[in-house]
Protein backbone atom coordinates (compact mmCIF):
# COMPACT_ATOMS: atom_id res chain seq x y z
CA MET A 1 23.22 -15.91 30.48
CA SER A 2 21.97 -19.40 29.28
CA LYS A 3 21.40 -20.03 25.79
CA SER A 4 17.48 -20.34 26.21
CA ILE A 5 17.30 -17.04 27.57
CA THR A 6 19.50 -15.46 25.19
CA LEU A 7 17.35 -17.06 22.53
CA LEU A 8 14.13 -15.99 24.22
CA LEU A 9 15.29 -12.19 24.45
CA ALA A 10 16.40 -12.51 20.64
CA VAL A 11 13.23 -13.82 19.34
CA GLY A 12 11.05 -11.18 21.60
CA LEU A 13 13.35 -8.41 20.20
CA VAL A 14 12.69 -9.57 16.59
CA GLY A 15 9.10 -9.72 17.34
CA PHE A 16 8.89 -6.38 18.89
CA VAL A 17 11.18 -4.50 16.00
CA ALA A 18 8.57 -6.24 13.62
CA ALA A 19 5.32 -5.01 15.34
CA CYS A 20 6.82 -1.50 15.74
CA SER A 21 7.67 -1.22 12.47
CA ARG A 22 5.57 1.40 10.37
CA PRO A 23 3.54 -0.30 7.39
CA GLU A 24 4.44 0.76 3.86
CA PRO A 25 1.47 3.10 2.68
CA GLU A 26 -0.79 1.71 0.14
CA PRO A 27 -0.47 3.00 -3.39
CA VAL A 28 -3.25 5.15 -4.72
CA TYR A 29 -4.28 4.83 -8.53
CA ILE A 30 -6.08 7.66 -10.02
CA GLU A 31 -7.72 7.04 -13.52
CA PRO A 32 -6.35 9.63 -15.82
CA GLU A 33 -9.20 11.78 -17.56
CA PRO A 34 -9.86 11.49 -21.11
CA ILE A 35 -7.77 13.95 -23.22
CA SER A 36 -10.80 14.84 -25.53
CA VAL A 37 -14.52 13.91 -25.63
CA GLU A 38 -16.18 11.74 -27.95
CA PRO A 39 -18.76 13.52 -30.30
CA VAL A 40 -22.16 12.71 -29.20
CA TYR A 41 -24.90 12.30 -32.09
CA THR A 42 -27.55 14.99 -31.57
CA GLY A 43 -29.55 14.63 -34.94
CA LYS A 44 -29.30 14.97 -38.51
CA TYR A 45 -29.30 18.55 -38.86
CA LYS A 46 -28.17 20.12 -35.46
């Protein structure tokens, strides 16, 4: 084969492999729940 055909096939193969590769899953960030609840002011004598 000529060099131009070989180069074209190589570039096409690289493009095909790049297009068919699976993307990495995006990380999911979950905010942790508070360990303790802050006390709530309910009034002077309650």
